[in-house]
């Protein structure tokens, strides 16, 4: 059963834009760079636009080769609950300049967050999966079952390259089991398999426990309906998914709660995300813990020379040292790495531009990791010149 948000929210959820959105001129890169170093362009700065903090970045390449960046706009503070809106900015020049901030979703004083977009290549539709909860229902109360409401799951779509969005439709009954309390889509992006299946990584907690698990849900009818797929082992959480060269699906998950030796947890599926192998830690991928990003670089472009899988996360003992890694053997090893930002850093989302340039939309700052969300344009040459380990 699907339920639509009432008409009072429709106007807030639709951003009607006529023609091309105006691009805002950007100041110089956030930090001075040498030739060949990444360009760092600020996309969201905490304290601007009437919001205390911007968090939970996600970015996708649209069917027309443009970029859409999403974030949670947290009105009153840094916390994960409260009055949280969903906002976006678009770029038509590879992330060098960005449109003004657009409101994608506003659920009043409640939380509208966890953006997880995916592009359907066959239809050109951009699907955006999100979660809602009452603003006065923090995660601890939802886990304990004492909150006045719970987490619900919603989907929007755009058929005009991310300029406007449909009214959100609730799909909770299809993708959340009755004994699940906490629930989150992504954070990050979904993936479309070669079969056409749309796969969304998510996570949940089980009623009466503090146990978290990553899981997948999917659509085989171009976003018309969604259903639950595989569920991972206890102690997995925020995750990302990629299709391997041999057709298997690889799920890379946050380790939560952290184990003694804290590494990313990895499992695979041979049936498109309907079942998963048991998850195992990858000692090449340490984490603080935090969310991470995982995508495939297609390679083959004149400026590329990369190919294989790309991974980004904060690799310091705390949330710091945003690091980008390369695997050219389908995730078995990660010998190439470069540090993008040495200071405080947290969540990130990777994207590959049509010319092979790598984009990293990530949280970073000087004193804390949540001062701004930056888009870094990373040349493959800079990345492959990194440390071999």
Protein backbone atom coordinates (compact mmCIF):
# COMPACT_ATOMS: atom_id res chain seq x y z
CA UNK A 1 0.00 0.00 0.00
CA UNK A 2 1.37 3.45 -0.93
CA UNK A 3 0.43 6.75 0.74
CA UNK A 4 1.03 10.22 -0.59
CA UNK A 5 2.04 13.26 1.41
CA UNK A 6 -0.94 15.57 1.85
CA UNK A 7 -1.54 18.63 -0.31
CA UNK A 8 -0.12 21.01 2.29
CA UNK A 9 3.35 19.74 1.44
CA UNK A 10 3.07 19.54 -2.32
CA UNK A 11 4.09 23.12 -2.93
CA UNK A 12 7.09 22.76 -0.67
CA UNK A 13 8.17 19.56 -2.32
CA UNK A 14 7.98 20.79 -5.92
CA UNK A 15 10.56 23.27 -7.15
CA UNK A 16 9.20 24.72 -10.37
CA UNK A 17 12.02 25.97 -12.54
CA UNK A 18 11.51 27.39 -16.01
CA UNK A 19 14.34 26.69 -18.40
CA UNK A 20 17.95 26.53 -17.34
CA UNK A 21 18.73 27.22 -13.70
CA UNK A 22 21.04 30.21 -13.07
CA UNK A 23 24.56 29.17 -12.18
CA UNK A 24 26.23 31.04 -9.35
CA UNK A 25 29.77 32.25 -9.87
CA UNK A 26 32.11 30.51 -7.50
CA UNK A 27 34.96 32.04 -5.59
CA UNK A 28 38.44 30.61 -5.90
CA UNK A 29 38.87 26.98 -4.85
CA UNK A 30 38.51 26.47 -1.11
CA UNK A 31 42.24 25.97 -0.78
CA UNK A 32 45.13 26.97 -3.00
CA UNK A 33 46.30 24.07 -5.13
CA UNK A 34 49.24 23.25 -7.34
CA UNK A 35 48.63 22.48 -10.98
CA UNK A 36 47.11 19.02 -11.25
CA UNK A 37 45.85 18.98 -7.66
CA UNK A 38 42.10 18.56 -7.01
CA UNK A 39 39.84 21.59 -7.36
CA UNK A 40 37.80 22.11 -4.18
CA UNK A 41 34.49 23.96 -4.65
CA UNK A 42 32.13 24.68 -1.76
CA UNK A 43 28.56 23.58 -2.41
CA UNK A 44 26.85 23.89 1.00
CA UNK A 45 28.18 25.99 3.89
CA UNK A 46 26.70 25.54 7.36
CA UNK A 47 25.01 28.65 8.69
CA UNK A 48 23.85 29.85 5.27
CA UNK A 49 20.30 29.92 3.91
CA UNK A 50 18.68 29.84 7.34
CA UNK A 51 20.14 26.44 8.23
CA UNK A 52 22.49 25.63 11.08
CA UNK A 53 24.19 22.65 9.38
CA UNK A 54 24.24 20.81 6.05
CA UNK A 55 24.97 17.09 6.19
CA UNK A 56 24.59 13.71 4.41
CA UNK A 57 25.84 14.49 0.87
CA UNK A 58 24.79 12.56 -2.23
CA UNK A 59 25.57 13.34 -5.87
CA UNK A 60 24.62 11.77 -9.20
CA UNK A 61 25.41 12.28 -12.86
CA UNK A 62 22.16 12.91 -14.72
CA UNK A 63 21.22 11.37 -18.09
CA UNK A 64 22.22 14.68 -19.72
CA UNK A 65 25.67 14.67 -18.15
CA UNK A 66 24.94 17.22 -15.43
CA UNK A 67 25.35 16.90 -11.66
CA UNK A 68 22.75 17.05 -8.90
CA UNK A 69 24.05 17.35 -5.33
CA UNK A 70 21.75 16.65 -2.37
CA UNK A 71 22.08 17.35 1.34
CA UNK A 72 20.08 17.44 4.53
CA UNK A 73 19.53 21.07 5.59
CA UNK A 74 19.31 20.98 9.39
CA UNK A 75 17.58 24.11 10.60
CA UNK A 76 18.28 24.31 14.33
CA UNK A 77 21.42 22.25 15.00
CA UNK A 78 23.74 19.45 13.96
CA UNK A 79 21.56 16.64 15.32
CA UNK A 80 20.12 13.82 13.21
CA UNK A 81 16.51 14.65 14.13
CA UNK A 82 14.45 17.83 14.25
CA UNK A 83 13.37 20.22 11.52
CA UNK A 84 15.40 18.85 8.58
CA UNK A 85 14.70 19.65 4.93
CA UNK A 86 16.09 18.06 1.78
CA UNK A 87 17.85 20.44 -0.63
CA UNK A 88 19.77 20.23 -3.88
CA UNK A 89 22.02 22.18 -6.24
CA UNK A 90 22.72 21.44 -9.93
CA UNK A 91 25.86 21.90 -11.99
CA UNK A 92 26.07 21.93 -15.77
CA UNK A 93 29.84 22.42 -16.01
CA UNK A 94 31.24 19.43 -14.17
CA UNK A 95 30.94 20.86 -10.67
CA UNK A 96 32.83 24.14 -11.19
CA UNK A 97 29.72 26.28 -10.64
CA UNK A 98 26.38 25.43 -9.07
CA UNK A 99 22.80 26.69 -9.24
CA UNK A 100 21.08 28.30 -6.30
CA UNK A 101 19.88 25.98 -3.52
CA UNK A 102 16.52 24.33 -4.32
CA UNK A 103 14.13 22.88 -1.77
CA UNK A 104 13.35 19.27 -2.70
CA UNK A 105 11.39 18.25 0.40
CA UNK A 106 10.01 19.98 3.50
CA UNK A 107 8.09 17.98 6.08
CA UNK A 108 7.33 20.91 8.38
CA UNK A 109 9.03 20.59 11.76
CA UNK A 110 9.84 16.95 11.02
CA UNK A 111 12.79 15.16 9.42
CA UNK A 112 12.99 14.66 5.64
CA UNK A 113 16.40 13.15 4.98
CA UNK A 114 18.79 10.40 3.96
CA UNK A 115 18.83 11.18 0.21
CA UNK A 116 19.72 8.14 -1.90
CA UNK A 117 19.31 8.79 -5.65
CA UNK A 118 19.60 6.32 -8.52
CA UNK A 119 19.35 6.87 -12.29
CA UNK A 120 17.35 4.51 -14.52
CA UNK A 121 19.41 4.47 -17.72
CA UNK A 122 16.60 3.03 -19.84
CA UNK A 123 13.98 5.67 -18.97
CA UNK A 124 16.13 8.64 -17.92
CA UNK A 125 14.20 8.93 -14.64
CA UNK A 126 16.07 9.93 -11.49
CA UNK A 127 14.60 8.16 -8.45
CA UNK A 128 15.23 9.62 -4.99
CA UNK A 129 14.72 7.40 -1.96
CA UNK A 130 14.40 9.13 1.44
CA UNK A 131 13.29 8.55 5.02
CA UNK A 132 11.04 10.61 7.32
CA UNK A 133 10.40 10.72 11.04
CA UNK A 134 8.79 13.10 13.52
CA UNK A 135 11.14 15.92 14.45
CA UNK A 136 10.83 15.10 18.15
CA UNK A 137 11.67 11.40 17.64
CA UNK A 138 15.46 10.89 17.92
CA UNK A 139 17.09 7.62 16.91
CA UNK A 140 17.48 6.40 20.50
CA UNK A 141 13.72 6.68 21.12
CA UNK A 142 12.82 5.02 17.81
CA UNK A 143 15.20 2.17 18.70
CA UNK A 144 13.61 1.86 22.16
CA UNK A 145 10.09 1.95 20.76
CA UNK A 146 9.20 4.95 22.94
CA UNK A 147 8.96 7.59 20.19
CA UNK A 148 5.55 8.90 19.13
CA UNK A 149 6.39 7.89 15.57
CA UNK A 150 8.90 5.87 13.59
CA UNK A 151 10.97 6.01 10.41
CA UNK A 152 9.04 5.81 7.15
CA UNK A 153 10.35 5.37 3.60
CA UNK A 154 9.41 7.61 0.66
CA UNK A 155 10.25 7.91 -3.03
CA UNK A 156 10.28 10.89 -5.42
CA UNK A 157 11.22 11.06 -9.07
CA UNK A 158 12.46 13.62 -11.56
CA UNK A 159 11.95 13.37 -15.31
CA UNK A 160 13.61 16.70 -16.15
CA UNK A 161 17.23 16.12 -15.17
CA UNK A 162 16.73 16.89 -11.47
CA UNK A 163 15.16 20.33 -11.90
CA UNK A 164 11.77 19.43 -10.40
CA UNK A 165 10.50 16.52 -8.31
CA UNK A 166 7.25 14.63 -7.98
CA UNK A 167 5.14 14.52 -4.85
CA UNK A 168 6.68 12.01 -2.40
CA UNK A 169 4.98 8.61 -2.21
CA UNK A 170 5.30 6.37 0.85
CA UNK A 171 6.62 2.81 0.26
CA UNK A 172 7.24 1.81 3.90
CA UNK A 173 4.95 -1.23 3.77
CA UNK A 174 6.90 -2.64 0.82
CA UNK A 175 10.45 -2.19 2.09
CA UNK A 176 10.29 -2.21 5.92
CA UNK A 177 9.38 -5.26 7.97
CA UNK A 178 7.03 -4.86 10.95
CA UNK A 179 9.73 -5.69 13.52
CA UNK A 180 12.17 -3.06 12.18
CA UNK A 181 12.38 0.19 14.13
CA UNK A 182 15.15 2.46 12.92
CA UNK A 183 15.53 2.66 9.13
CA UNK A 184 17.74 4.64 6.75
CA UNK A 185 18.20 4.74 2.98
CA UNK A 186 21.85 4.93 1.88
CA UNK A 187 23.33 7.34 2.66
CA UNK A 188 24.92 7.78 -0.75
CA UNK A 189 23.52 6.39 -4.00
CA UNK A 190 21.79 3.35 -5.43
CA UNK A 191 22.87 1.42 -8.52
CA UNK A 192 21.25 0.01 -11.64
CA UNK A 193 22.49 -3.47 -12.52
CA UNK A 194 23.10 -4.60 -16.09
CA UNK A 195 19.81 -6.50 -15.86
CA UNK A 196 18.00 -3.18 -15.34
CA UNK A 197 17.25 -3.85 -11.66
CA UNK A 198 17.45 -0.76 -9.43
CA UNK A 199 19.13 -1.62 -6.11
CA UNK A 200 19.07 0.63 -3.04
CA UNK A 201 21.34 0.02 -0.02
CA UNK A 202 19.70 0.68 3.34
CA UNK A 203 19.94 -0.26 7.01
CA UNK A 204 17.62 -0.96 9.89
CA UNK A 205 17.45 -1.99 13.54
CA UNK A 206 15.39 -4.80 15.03
CA UNK A 207 12.69 -4.15 17.64
CA UNK A 208 13.72 -4.80 21.22
CA UNK A 209 17.43 -4.73 20.42
CA UNK A 210 20.20 -2.31 19.52
CA UNK A 211 21.20 -4.58 16.63
CA UNK A 212 21.75 -2.86 13.28
CA UNK A 213 21.88 -4.60 9.91
CA UNK A 214 22.45 -3.45 6.35
CA UNK A 215 19.96 -4.62 3.76
CA UNK A 216 18.98 -4.06 0.12
CA UNK A 217 15.71 -3.29 -1.59
CA UNK A 218 15.06 -3.19 -5.30
CA UNK A 219 12.73 -2.53 -8.23
CA UNK A 220 12.40 -4.65 -11.36
CA UNK A 221 9.76 -2.42 -13.00
CA UNK A 222 11.64 0.88 -13.37
CA UNK A 223 10.64 2.21 -9.96
CA UNK A 224 6.96 1.33 -10.17
CA UNK A 225 7.18 -0.98 -7.14
CA UNK A 226 9.87 -1.78 -4.56
CA UNK A 227 10.54 -4.83 -2.42
CA UNK A 228 12.99 -6.08 0.21
CA UNK A 229 16.04 -8.02 -0.91
CA UNK A 230 18.93 -9.46 1.06
CA UNK A 231 19.67 -8.70 4.71
CA UNK A 232 23.26 -8.65 5.97
CA UNK A 233 24.68 -9.83 9.31
CA UNK A 234 24.37 -8.19 12.71
CA UNK A 235 26.64 -5.21 13.21
CA UNK A 236 26.51 -3.86 9.65
CA UNK A 237 25.02 -0.44 8.98
CA UNK A 238 25.27 2.34 6.38
CA UNK A 239 26.37 0.76 3.11
CA UNK A 240 27.00 1.18 -0.60
CA UNK A 241 26.69 -1.32 -3.43
CA UNK A 242 28.39 -1.88 -6.79
CA UNK A 243 28.09 -4.48 -9.55
CA UNK A 244 31.29 -6.43 -10.18
CA UNK A 245 32.63 -7.41 -13.60
CA UNK A 246 31.43 -11.02 -13.15
CA UNK A 247 27.87 -9.90 -12.36
CA UNK A 248 28.05 -10.32 -8.60
CA UNK A 249 26.86 -7.47 -6.37
CA UNK A 250 29.30 -6.25 -3.72
CA UNK A 251 27.91 -4.68 -0.53
CA UNK A 252 30.36 -2.59 1.51
CA UNK A 253 29.01 -1.66 4.96
CA UNK A 254 29.85 0.46 7.96
CA UNK A 255 30.86 -1.56 10.99
CA UNK A 256 28.36 -0.70 13.74
CA UNK A 257 28.78 -1.00 16.59
CA UNK A 258 32.55 -0.91 15.96
CA UNK A 259 34.49 -4.05 16.64
CA UNK A 260 37.93 -4.18 18.28
CA UNK A 261 39.63 -3.81 14.90
CA UNK A 262 37.36 -1.53 12.95
CA UNK A 263 37.25 -2.18 9.20
CA UNK A 264 34.58 -2.00 6.54
CA UNK A 265 32.42 -5.13 6.25
CA UNK A 266 32.13 -6.73 2.81
CA UNK A 267 29.71 -9.29 1.38
CA UNK A 268 28.61 -10.34 -2.11
CA UNK A 269 25.47 -11.51 -3.89
CA UNK A 270 25.25 -13.85 -6.89
CA UNK A 271 21.54 -13.25 -7.52
CA UNK A 272 21.28 -9.49 -7.91
CA UNK A 273 20.85 -8.67 -4.23
CA UNK A 274 18.28 -11.30 -3.23
CA UNK A 275 20.78 -13.06 -0.92
CA UNK A 276 24.21 -12.23 0.50
CA UNK A 277 27.28 -14.10 1.61
CA UNK A 278 28.35 -13.68 5.22
CA UNK A 279 30.05 -10.30 5.72
CA UNK A 280 33.76 -10.18 6.54
CA UNK A 281 36.02 -7.26 7.50
CA UNK A 282 38.35 -5.85 4.84
CA UNK A 283 41.64 -4.93 6.61
CA UNK A 284 42.58 -2.66 3.68
CA UNK A 285 39.63 -0.37 4.51
CA UNK A 286 39.87 1.06 8.03
CA UNK A 287 37.16 3.40 9.30
CA UNK A 288 36.51 5.63 12.37
CA UNK A 289 33.53 4.42 11.85
CA UNK A 290 31.50 6.50 9.36
CA UNK A 291 29.64 6.28 6.08
CA UNK A 292 31.67 5.62 2.90
CA UNK A 293 31.21 5.72 -0.89
CA UNK A 294 31.85 3.02 -3.50
CA UNK A 295 31.45 3.29 -7.30
CA UNK A 296 32.92 1.92 -10.52
CA UNK A 297 35.12 4.05 -12.75
CA UNK A 298 34.50 2.90 -16.33
CA UNK A 299 37.98 3.90 -17.54
CA UNK A 300 38.60 3.99 -21.25
CA UNK A 301 38.64 7.78 -21.60
CA UNK A 302 41.68 9.63 -22.92
CA UNK A 303 42.35 11.25 -19.56
CA UNK A 304 41.44 8.32 -17.37
CA UNK A 305 43.88 5.49 -16.88
CA UNK A 306 41.95 4.45 -13.77
CA UNK A 307 39.22 1.89 -14.35
CA UNK A 308 38.09 -0.44 -11.58
CA UNK A 309 36.49 0.50 -8.26
CA UNK A 310 36.77 3.74 -6.31
CA UNK A 311 36.22 4.04 -2.56
CA UNK A 312 36.19 7.08 -0.26
CA UNK A 313 35.91 7.47 3.50
CA UNK A 314 37.60 9.21 6.44
CA UNK A 315 40.55 6.96 7.27
CA UNK A 316 41.80 8.62 10.47
CA UNK A 317 41.20 7.22 13.97
CA UNK A 318 38.47 9.86 14.27
CA UNK A 319 36.45 11.40 11.45
CA UNK A 320 39.34 12.94 9.53
CA UNK A 321 41.66 12.33 6.54
CA UNK A 322 39.22 11.97 3.66
CA UNK A 323 40.88 9.30 1.52
CA UNK A 324 40.15 8.06 -2.00
CA UNK A 325 41.28 4.54 -2.93
CA UNK A 326 41.46 2.55 -6.16
CA UNK A 327 41.03 -1.19 -6.70
CA UNK A 328 41.81 -2.63 -10.11
CA UNK A 329 41.01 -6.22 -9.12
CA UNK A 330 37.31 -5.89 -8.24
CA UNK A 331 37.83 -4.98 -4.60
CA UNK A 332 40.23 -7.75 -3.62
CA UNK A 333 43.02 -5.22 -2.91
CA UNK A 334 43.16 -1.43 -2.62
CA UNK A 335 46.80 -0.55 -3.37
CA UNK A 336 46.34 3.05 -4.56
CA UNK A 337 45.25 5.84 -2.23
CA UNK A 338 45.40 9.61 -1.94
CA UNK A 339 44.37 11.84 0.96
CA UNK A 340 42.01 14.54 -0.26
CA UNK A 341 41.72 16.47 3.02
CA UNK A 342 43.88 15.89 6.10
CA UNK A 343 41.60 17.66 8.56
CA UNK A 344 38.16 16.80 9.94
CA UNK A 345 35.99 14.98 7.38
CA UNK A 346 33.03 12.61 7.50
CA UNK A 347 30.47 11.44 4.90
CA UNK A 348 31.20 11.43 1.15
CA UNK A 349 29.76 10.49 -2.24
CA UNK A 350 31.72 9.69 -5.42
CA UNK A 351 30.74 10.36 -9.02
CA UNK A 352 32.54 9.95 -12.37
CA UNK A 353 32.14 12.72 -14.95
CA UNK A 354 31.87 12.03 -18.70
CA UNK A 355 35.54 12.94 -19.29
CA UNK A 356 36.77 10.54 -16.59
CA UNK A 357 37.26 13.20 -13.90
CA UNK A 358 36.31 11.93 -10.45
CA UNK A 359 34.03 14.00 -8.25
CA UNK A 360 33.92 13.70 -4.46
CA UNK A 361 31.13 15.49 -2.59
CA UNK A 362 32.16 15.35 1.06
CA UNK A 363 31.79 16.85 4.52
CA UNK A 364 34.85 18.67 5.79
CA UNK A 365 36.07 21.52 7.94
CA UNK A 366 38.94 23.00 9.89
CA UNK A 367 37.71 22.43 13.45
CA UNK A 368 34.83 20.01 12.84
CA UNK A 369 33.80 17.81 9.93
CA UNK A 370 30.44 19.56 9.48
CA UNK A 371 31.42 23.11 8.53
CA UNK A 372 30.80 22.69 4.80
CA UNK A 373 30.11 20.24 2.01
CA UNK A 374 32.72 20.49 -0.74
CA UNK A 375 32.84 19.13 -4.27
CA UNK A 376 36.36 18.03 -5.22
CA UNK A 377 37.25 17.53 -8.89
CA UNK A 378 39.95 14.86 -8.88
CA UNK A 379 42.00 14.13 -11.97
CA UNK A 380 42.71 10.42 -12.52
CA UNK A 381 46.41 11.23 -12.91
CA UNK A 382 46.54 12.76 -9.43
CA UNK A 383 44.78 9.74 -7.99
CA UNK A 384 46.84 7.04 -9.71
CA UNK A 385 50.00 8.86 -8.68
CA UNK A 386 49.15 7.94 -5.11
CA UNK A 387 50.73 5.55 -2.67
CA UNK A 388 51.05 1.88 -3.61
CA UNK A 389 50.36 -0.26 -0.53
